[in-house]
Every structure is written in C-alpha cells, then in structure tokens.
PDB file of N, CA and C in Angstrom:
ATOM      1  N   MET A   1      17.581 -50.965 -27.110  1.00  0.00           N
ATOM      2  CA  MET A   1      18.810 -51.504 -26.446  1.00  0.00           C
ATOM      3  C   MET A   1      18.744 -51.272 -24.771  1.00  0.00           C
ATOM      4  N   GLU A   2      18.088 -50.373 -24.485  1.00  0.00           N
ATOM      5  CA  GLU A   2      17.911 -49.806 -22.911  1.00  0.00           C
ATOM      6  C   GLU A   2      17.227 -50.825 -22.345  1.00  0.00           C
ATOM      7  N   ASN A   3      16.059 -51.263 -23.150  1.00  0.00           N
ATOM      8  CA  ASN A   3      14.949 -52.170 -22.689  1.00  0.00           C
ATOM      9  C   ASN A   3      15.586 -53.401 -22.093  1.00  0.00           C
ATOM     10  N   ILE A   4      16.568 -53.865 -22.920  1.00  0.00           N
ATOM     11  CA  ILE A   4      17.178 -55.138 -22.647  1.00  0.00           C
ATOM     12  C   ILE A   4      17.965 -55.265 -21.699  1.00  0.00           C
ATOM     13  N   LEU A   5      18.687 -53.900 -21.375  1.00  0.00           N
ATOM     14  CA  LEU A   5      19.911 -53.778 -20.339  1.00  0.00           C
ATOM     15  C   LEU A   5      18.920 -53.664 -18.953  1.00  0.00           C
ATOM     16  N   THR A   6      17.752 -53.296 -19.160  1.00  0.00           N
ATOM     17  CA  THR A   6      16.990 -53.076 -17.813  1.00  0.00           C
ATOM     18  C   THR A   6      16.364 -54.202 -17.397  1.00  0.00           C
ATOM     19  N   ASN A   7      15.925 -55.328 -18.396  1.00  0.00           N
ATOM     20  CA  ASN A   7      15.621 -56.506 -18.354  1.00  0.00           C
ATOM     21  C   ASN A   7      16.745 -57.335 -17.599  1.00  0.00           C
ATOM     22  N   ILE A   8      18.010 -57.312 -18.121  1.00  0.00           N
ATOM     23  CA  ILE A   8      19.186 -57.798 -17.516  1.00  0.00           C
ATOM     24  C   ILE A   8      19.593 -57.624 -16.121  1.00  0.00           C
ATOM     25  N   SER A   9      19.289 -56.259 -15.998  1.00  0.00           N
ATOM     26  CA  SER A   9      19.529 -55.855 -14.713  1.00  0.00           C
ATOM     27  C   SER A   9      18.617 -56.286 -13.460  1.00  0.00           C
ATOM     28  N   GLY A  10      17.445 -56.353 -13.986  1.00  0.00           N
ATOM     29  CA  GLY A  10      16.349 -56.703 -12.990  1.00  0.00           C
ATOM     30  C   GLY A  10      16.398 -58.235 -12.740  1.00  0.00           C
ATOM     31  N   LYS A  11      16.756 -58.926 -14.003  1.00  0.00           N
ATOM     32  CA  LYS A  11      16.817 -60.453 -13.716  1.00  0.00           C
ATOM     33  C   LYS A  11      17.936 -60.688 -12.879  1.00  0.00           C
ATOM     34  N   LEU A  12      19.160 -60.225 -13.069  1.00  0.00           N
ATOM     35  CA  LEU A  12      20.360 -60.355 -12.275  1.00  0.00           C
ATOM     36  C   LEU A  12      20.168 -60.217 -10.797  1.00  0.00           C
ATOM     37  N   LYS A  13      19.262 -58.937 -10.446  1.00  0.00           N
ATOM     38  CA  LYS A  13      19.245 -58.541  -9.211  1.00  0.00           C
ATOM     39  C   LYS A  13      18.140 -59.527  -8.561  1.00  0.00           C
ATOM     40  N   GLY A  14      16.938 -60.009  -9.253  1.00  0.00           N
ATOM     41  CA  GLY A  14      16.081 -60.773  -8.972  1.00  0.00           C
ATOM     42  C   GLY A  14      16.676 -62.343  -8.376  1.00  0.00           C
ATOM     43  N   ILE A  15      17.663 -62.851  -9.522  1.00  0.00           N
ATOM     44  CA  ILE A  15      17.825 -64.140  -9.102  1.00  0.00           C
ATOM     45  C   ILE A  15      18.759 -64.214  -7.982  1.00  0.00           C
ATOM     46  N   ARG A  16      19.413 -63.092  -7.854  1.00  0.00           N
ATOM     47  CA  ARG A  16      20.471 -63.017  -6.641  1.00  0.00           C
ATOM     48  C   ARG A  16      19.680 -63.128  -5.410  1.00  0.00           C
ATOM     49  N   ALA A  17      18.467 -62.427  -5.583  1.00  0.00           N
ATOM     50  CA  ALA A  17      17.985 -62.325  -4.302  1.00  0.00           C
ATOM     51  C   ALA A  17      17.261 -63.681  -3.969  1.00  0.00           C
ATOM     52  N   GLU A  18      16.795 -64.340  -5.214  1.00  0.00           N
ATOM     53  CA  GLU A  18      16.038 -65.594  -5.127  1.00  0.00           C
ATOM     54  C   GLU A  18      17.250 -66.917  -4.392  1.00  0.00           C
ATOM     55  N   LYS A  19      18.333 -66.525  -4.869  1.00  0.00           N
ATOM     56  CA  LYS A  19      19.555 -67.522  -4.474  1.00  0.00           C
ATOM     57  C   LYS A  19      19.864 -67.336  -3.019  1.00  0.00           C
ATOM     58  N   GLY A  20      19.635 -66.073  -2.745  1.00  0.00           N
ATOM     59  CA  GLY A  20      19.833 -65.608  -1.262  1.00  0.00           C
ATOM     60  C   GLY A  20      21.439 -65.247  -1.184  1.00  0.00           C
ATOM     61  N   TYR A  21      21.762 -64.618  -2.264  1.00  0.00           N
ATOM     62  CA  TYR A  21      23.214 -64.233  -2.156  1.00  0.00           C
ATOM     63  C   TYR A  21      23.071 -62.387  -2.033  1.00  0.00           C
ATOM     64  N   SER A  22      24.091 -61.853  -1.368  1.00  0.00           N
ATOM     65  CA  SER A  22      24.372 -60.365  -1.204  1.00  0.00           C
ATOM     66  C   SER A  22      25.205 -60.038  -2.086  1.00  0.00           C
ATOM     67  N   LEU A  23      25.379 -58.740  -2.414  1.00  0.00           N
ATOM     68  CA  LEU A  23      26.422 -58.164  -3.366  1.00  0.00           C
ATOM     69  C   LEU A  23      27.769 -58.709  -2.920  1.00  0.00           C
ATOM     70  N   GLU A  24      27.977 -58.651  -1.570  1.00  0.00           N
ATOM     71  CA  GLU A  24      29.162 -59.071  -1.058  1.00  0.00           C
ATOM     72  C   GLU A  24      29.475 -60.347  -1.365  1.00  0.00           C
ATOM     73  N   ASP A  25      28.789 -61.404  -1.200  1.00  0.00           N
ATOM     74  CA  ASP A  25      28.825 -62.684  -1.602  1.00  0.00           C
ATOM     75  C   ASP A  25      29.157 -62.777  -2.748  1.00  0.00           C
ATOM     76  N   MET A  26      28.317 -62.383  -3.789  1.00  0.00           N
ATOM     77  CA  MET A  26      28.783 -62.516  -5.396  1.00  0.00           C
ATOM     78  C   MET A  26      30.240 -62.010  -5.695  1.00  0.00           C
ATOM     79  N   ALA A  27      30.375 -60.923  -5.156  1.00  0.00           N
ATOM     80  CA  ALA A  27      31.898 -60.272  -5.216  1.00  0.00           C
ATOM     81  C   ALA A  27      32.861 -61.032  -4.867  1.00  0.00           C
ATOM     82  N   ASN A  28      32.668 -61.482  -3.804  1.00  0.00           N
ATOM     83  CA  ASN A  28      33.570 -62.630  -3.221  1.00  0.00           C
ATOM     84  C   ASN A  28      33.721 -63.852  -4.177  1.00  0.00           C
ATOM     85  N   LYS A  29      32.670 -64.434  -4.493  1.00  0.00           N
ATOM     86  CA  LYS A  29      32.800 -65.671  -5.283  1.00  0.00           C
ATOM     87  C   LYS A  29      33.433 -65.388  -6.971  1.00  0.00           C
ATOM     88  N   LEU A  30      33.235 -63.928  -7.362  1.00  0.00           N
ATOM     89  CA  LEU A  30      33.910 -63.784  -8.624  1.00  0.00           C
ATOM     90  C   LEU A  30      35.212 -63.077  -8.497  1.00  0.00           C
ATOM     91  N   LYS A  31      35.817 -62.806  -7.144  1.00  0.00           N
ATOM     92  CA  LYS A  31      36.839 -62.267  -6.586  1.00  0.00           C
ATOM     93  C   LYS A  31      36.886 -60.756  -7.165  1.00  0.00           C
ATOM     94  N   ILE A  32      36.131 -60.163  -7.216  1.00  0.00           N
ATOM     95  CA  ILE A  32      36.104 -58.652  -7.513  1.00  0.00           C
ATOM     96  C   ILE A  32      35.293 -57.900  -6.370  1.00  0.00           C
ATOM     97  N   HIS A  33      35.598 -56.461  -6.653  1.00  0.00           N
ATOM     98  CA  HIS A  33      35.045 -55.526  -5.764  1.00  0.00           C
ATOM     99  C   HIS A  33      33.489 -55.608  -5.399  1.00  0.00           C
ATOM    100  N   ARG A  34      32.936 -55.196  -4.265  1.00  0.00           N
ATOM    101  CA  ARG A  34      31.660 -55.688  -4.316  1.00  0.00           C
ATOM    102  C   ARG A  34      31.103 -54.091  -5.202  1.00  0.00           C
ATOM    103  N   GLU A  35      31.535 -53.103  -5.367  1.00  0.00           N
ATOM    104  CA  GLU A  35      30.949 -52.142  -5.970  1.00  0.00           C
ATOM    105  C   GLU A  35      31.095 -52.166  -7.652  1.00  0.00           C
ATOM    106  N   THR A  36      32.184 -53.392  -7.876  1.00  0.00           N
ATOM    107  CA  THR A  36      32.069 -53.763  -9.454  1.00  0.00           C
ATOM    108  C   THR A  36      31.039 -54.639  -9.728  1.00  0.00           C
ATOM    109  N   PHE A  37      30.469 -55.614  -8.612  1.00  0.00           N
ATOM    110  CA  PHE A  37      29.305 -56.114  -9.059  1.00  0.00           C
ATOM    111  C   PHE A  37      28.328 -55.369  -9.086  1.00  0.00           C
ATOM    112  N   ARG A  38      28.005 -54.474  -8.112  1.00  0.00           N
ATOM    113  CA  ARG A  38      26.903 -53.658  -7.892  1.00  0.00           C
ATOM    114  C   ARG A  38      26.641 -52.803  -9.396  1.00  0.00           C
ATOM    115  N   LYS A  39      27.825 -52.541 -10.015  1.00  0.00           N
ATOM    116  CA  LYS A  39      27.785 -51.830 -11.208  1.00  0.00           C
ATOM    117  C   LYS A  39      27.262 -52.861 -12.378  1.00  0.00           C
ATOM    118  N   TYR A  40      27.686 -54.047 -12.231  1.00  0.00           N
ATOM    119  CA  TYR A  40      27.055 -55.192 -13.100  1.00  0.00           C
ATOM    120  C   TYR A  40      25.692 -55.270 -13.143  1.00  0.00           C
ATOM    121  N   GLU A  41      25.252 -55.157 -11.969  1.00  0.00           N
ATOM    122  CA  GLU A  41      23.663 -55.277 -11.775  1.00  0.00           C
ATOM    123  C   GLU A  41      22.886 -54.105 -12.468  1.00  0.00           C
ATOM    124  N   ASN A  42      23.338 -53.188 -12.017  1.00  0.00           N
ATOM    125  CA  ASN A  42      23.010 -51.672 -12.309  1.00  0.00           C
ATOM    126  C   ASN A  42      22.869 -51.035 -13.713  1.00  0.00           C
ATOM    127  N   ASN A  43      24.119 -51.668 -14.283  1.00  0.00           N
ATOM    128  CA  ASN A  43      24.678 -50.942 -15.290  1.00  0.00           C
ATOM    129  C   ASN A  43      25.042 -52.265 -16.407  1.00  0.00           C
ATOM    130  N   PRO A  44      24.276 -53.177 -16.647  1.00  0.00           N
ATOM    131  CA  PRO A  44      24.798 -54.428 -17.367  1.00  0.00           C
ATOM    132  C   PRO A  44      25.784 -54.311 -18.677  1.00  0.00           C
ATOM    133  N   SER A  45      25.585 -53.138 -19.266  1.00  0.00           N
ATOM    134  CA  SER A  45      26.493 -52.904 -20.425  1.00  0.00           C
ATOM    135  C   SER A  45      27.800 -52.965 -20.278  1.00  0.00           C
ATOM    136  N   THR A  46      28.367 -52.633 -18.733  1.00  0.00           N
ATOM    137  CA  THR A  46      29.696 -53.033 -18.541  1.00  0.00           C
ATOM    138  C   THR A  46      30.129 -54.331 -18.052  1.00  0.00           C
ATOM    139  N   LEU A  47      29.172 -55.192 -17.781  1.00  0.00           N
ATOM    140  CA  LEU A  47      29.440 -56.635 -17.837  1.00  0.00           C
ATOM    141  C   LEU A  47      30.006 -57.506 -19.110  1.00  0.00           C
ATOM    142  N   GLU A  48      31.078 -57.936 -19.136  1.00  0.00           N
ATOM    143  CA  GLU A  48      31.713 -58.781 -20.095  1.00  0.00           C
ATOM    144  C   GLU A  48      31.155 -60.272 -20.178  1.00  0.00           C
ATOM    145  N   VAL A  49      31.052 -60.612 -21.262  1.00  0.00           N
ATOM    146  CA  VAL A  49      30.324 -61.673 -21.642  1.00  0.00           C
ATOM    147  C   VAL A  49      30.720 -62.793 -20.770  1.00  0.00           C
ATOM    148  N   GLY A  50      32.167 -63.119 -20.381  1.00  0.00           N
ATOM    149  CA  GLY A  50      32.700 -63.998 -19.461  1.00  0.00           C
ATOM    150  C   GLY A  50      32.448 -63.812 -18.160  1.00  0.00           C
ATOM    151  N   GLN A  51      31.953 -62.602 -17.636  1.00  0.00           N
ATOM    152  CA  GLN A  51      31.762 -62.358 -16.154  1.00  0.00           C
ATOM    153  C   GLN A  51      30.358 -63.250 -16.313  1.00  0.00           C
ATOM    154  N   LEU A  52      29.277 -62.255 -17.276  1.00  0.00           N
ATOM    155  CA  LEU A  52      27.935 -63.047 -17.204  1.00  0.00           C
ATOM    156  C   LEU A  52      27.837 -64.554 -16.956  1.00  0.00           C
ATOM    157  N   LEU A  53      28.832 -65.202 -17.659  1.00  0.00           N
ATOM    158  CA  LEU A  53      28.903 -66.510 -17.795  1.00  0.00           C
ATOM    159  C   LEU A  53      28.946 -67.322 -16.505  1.00  0.00           C
ATOM    160  N   LYS A  54      30.002 -66.343 -15.709  1.00  0.00           N
ATOM    161  CA  LYS A  54      30.559 -67.158 -14.239  1.00  0.00           C
ATOM    162  C   LYS A  54      29.401 -66.652 -13.383  1.00  0.00           C
ATOM    163  N   ILE A  55      28.896 -65.606 -13.599  1.00  0.00           N
ATOM    164  CA  ILE A  55      27.457 -65.371 -12.500  1.00  0.00           C
ATOM    165  C   ILE A  55      26.724 -66.292 -13.079  1.00  0.00           C
ATOM    166  N   LEU A  56      26.154 -66.567 -14.243  1.00  0.00           N
ATOM    167  CA  LEU A  56      25.011 -67.631 -14.317  1.00  0.00           C
ATOM    168  C   LEU A  56      25.533 -69.179 -13.865  1.00  0.00           C
ATOM    169  N   ASP A  57      26.699 -69.146 -14.036  1.00  0.00           N
ATOM    170  CA  ASP A  57      27.463 -70.501 -13.552  1.00  0.00           C
ATOM    171  C   ASP A  57      27.092 -70.693 -11.878  1.00  0.00           C
ATOM    172  N   ILE A  58      27.177 -69.463 -11.063  1.00  0.00           N
ATOM    173  CA  ILE A  58      27.052 -69.400  -9.737  1.00  0.00           C
ATOM    174  C   ILE A  58      25.779 -69.545  -9.377  1.00  0.00           C
ATOM    175  N   TYR A  59      24.668 -69.008 -10.258  1.00  0.00           N
ATOM    176  CA  TYR A  59      23.384 -69.039 -10.029  1.00  0.00           C
ATOM    177  C   TYR A  59      23.150 -70.584 -10.535  1.00  0.00           C
ATOM    178  N   ASP A  60      23.868 -71.184 -11.178  1.00  0.00           N
ATOM    179  CA  ASP A  60      23.193 -72.475 -11.786  1.00  0.00           C
ATOM    180  C   ASP A  60      22.032 -72.228 -12.573  1.00  0.00           C
ATOM    181  N   ILE A  61      22.192 -71.336 -13.440  1.00  0.00           N
ATOM    182  CA  ILE A  61      21.077 -70.723 -14.250  1.00  0.00           C
ATOM    183  C   ILE A  61      21.544 -71.184 -15.651  1.00  0.00           C
ATOM    184  N   ASP A  62      20.876 -71.589 -16.638  1.00  0.00           N
ATOM    185  CA  ASP A  62      21.221 -72.160 -18.091  1.00  0.00           C
ATOM    186  C   ASP A  62      21.320 -70.688 -18.860  1.00  0.00           C
ATOM    187  N   THR A  63      22.137 -70.535 -19.527  1.00  0.00           N
ATOM    188  CA  THR A  63      22.521 -69.196 -20.368  1.00  0.00           C
ATOM    189  C   THR A  63      21.064 -69.066 -21.297  1.00  0.00           C
ATOM    190  N   ILE A  64      20.738 -70.000 -22.094  1.00  0.00           N
ATOM    191  CA  ILE A  64      19.826 -69.964 -22.827  1.00  0.00           C
ATOM    192  C   ILE A  64      18.380 -69.752 -22.160  1.00  0.00           C
ATOM    193  N   TYR A  65      18.154 -70.130 -20.940  1.00  0.00           N
ATOM    194  CA  TYR A  65      17.180 -69.848 -20.009  1.00  0.00           C
ATOM    195  C   TYR A  65      17.124 -68.730 -19.568  1.00  0.00           C
ATOM    196  N   PHE A  66      18.188 -68.131 -19.251  1.00  0.00           N
ATOM    197  CA  PHE A  66      18.249 -66.856 -19.200  1.00  0.00           C
ATOM    198  C   PHE A  66      17.852 -65.735 -19.884  1.00  0.00           C
ATOM    199  N   PHE A  67      18.395 -66.132 -21.150  1.00  0.00           N
ATOM    200  CA  PHE A  67      18.116 -65.029 -22.338  1.00  0.00           C
ATOM    201  C   PHE A  67      16.552 -65.419 -22.573  1.00  0.00           C
ATOM    202  N   ASN A  68      16.066 -66.370 -22.584  1.00  0.00           N
ATOM    203  CA  ASN A  68      14.594 -66.599 -22.602  1.00  0.00           C
ATOM    204  C   ASN A  68      13.835 -65.488 -21.616  1.00  0.00           C
ATOM    205  N   LEU A  69      14.249 -65.532 -20.467  1.00  0.00           N
ATOM    206  CA  LEU A  69      13.804 -64.813 -19.524  1.00  0.00           C
ATOM    207  C   LEU A  69      13.802 -63.338 -19.860  1.00  0.00           C
ATOM    208  N   ILE A  70      14.820 -62.933 -20.341  1.00  0.00           N
ATOM    209  CA  ILE A  70      15.281 -61.457 -20.855  1.00  0.00           C
ATOM    210  C   ILE A  70      14.167 -61.169 -21.974  1.00  0.00           C
ATOM    211  N   TYR A  71      14.081 -61.929 -22.993  1.00  0.00           N
ATOM    212  CA  TYR A  71      13.309 -61.590 -24.163  1.00  0.00           C
ATOM    213  C   TYR A  71      12.060 -61.907 -24.059  1.00  0.00           C
ATOM    214  N   GLY A  72      11.381 -62.657 -22.862  1.00  0.00           N
ATOM    215  CA  GLY A  72      10.230 -63.084 -22.727  1.00  0.00           C
ATOM    216  C   GLY A  72       9.632 -64.166 -23.381  1.00  0.00           C
ATOM    217  N   LYS A  73      10.451 -64.961 -23.637  1.00  0.00           N
ATOM    218  CA  LYS A  73      10.207 -66.406 -24.276  1.00  0.00           C
ATOM    219  C   LYS A  73      10.245 -67.388 -23.180  1.00  0.00           C
ATOM    220  N   MET A  74       9.255 -68.273 -23.486  1.00  0.00           N
ATOM    221  CA  MET A  74       9.199 -69.350 -22.479  1.00  0.00           C
ATOM    222  C   MET A  74       9.914 -70.445 -23.139  1.00  0.00           C
ATOM    223  N   PRO A  75      10.748 -71.266 -22.297  1.00  0.00           N
ATOM    224  CA  PRO A  75      11.623 -72.222 -22.478  1.00  0.00           C
ATOM    225  C   PRO A  75      10.902 -73.091 -23.372  1.00  0.00           C
ATOM    226  N   ARG A  76      11.275 -73.903 -24.516  1.00  0.00           N
ATOM    227  CA  ARG A  76      10.696 -74.923 -25.316  1.00  0.00           C
ATOM    228  C   ARG A  76      10.641 -76.373 -24.370  1.00  0.00           C
ATOM    229  N   GLU A  77       9.426 -76.746 -24.485  1.00  0.00           N
ATOM    230  CA  GLU A  77       9.559 -77.911 -23.860  1.00  0.00           C
ATOM    231  C   GLU A  77      10.185 -79.276 -24.812  1.00  0.00           C
ATOM    232  N   GLU A  78      10.644 -80.190 -24.334  1.00  0.00           N
ATOM    233  CA  GLU A  78      11.330 -81.149 -25.397  1.00  0.00           C
ATOM    234  C   GLU A  78      10.773 -82.615 -24.822  1.00  0.00           C
TER     235      GLU A  78
END
C-alpha cells in the first residue's frame, strides 16, 4: 500500500509541476489552506476521493488515465 501512496504522491506533484500550478494556486482553486493541499500531496492517505476527483478535474486528467499511471499500466488504445 505504501508504494501506491508514494506513486500517488509523486504523480500529483509531477502533474502539478507540469501544469505550472503552485501549492497556493491549487489551495485557492480547492478553497482549502495551502498546508492542507501540501499534506494531500505528501500523504495521499489523507486525501478523500472527492478531493482527488476535484484535483484531477482541475488538472484536466482523466481518472482512469491517472490510475493507469499509478499502477504502471499504459492506457488502452481504442
């Protein structure tokens, strides 16, 4: 389980960096404190599913695609 949480943490940080958002930007978009968002990234076990979905929506990342990244699977070509 820890490996999955580490993967989620890394992917969330990486996607945020790719999108050019700061911790403050994301906290403002989610209407939460900056430190709360930092905790989400550093310890995703504190992240509720609803918040994760909001984050992925802001990043314009498909949920299935995100979890394929986490589990190391390539998205299916259709």
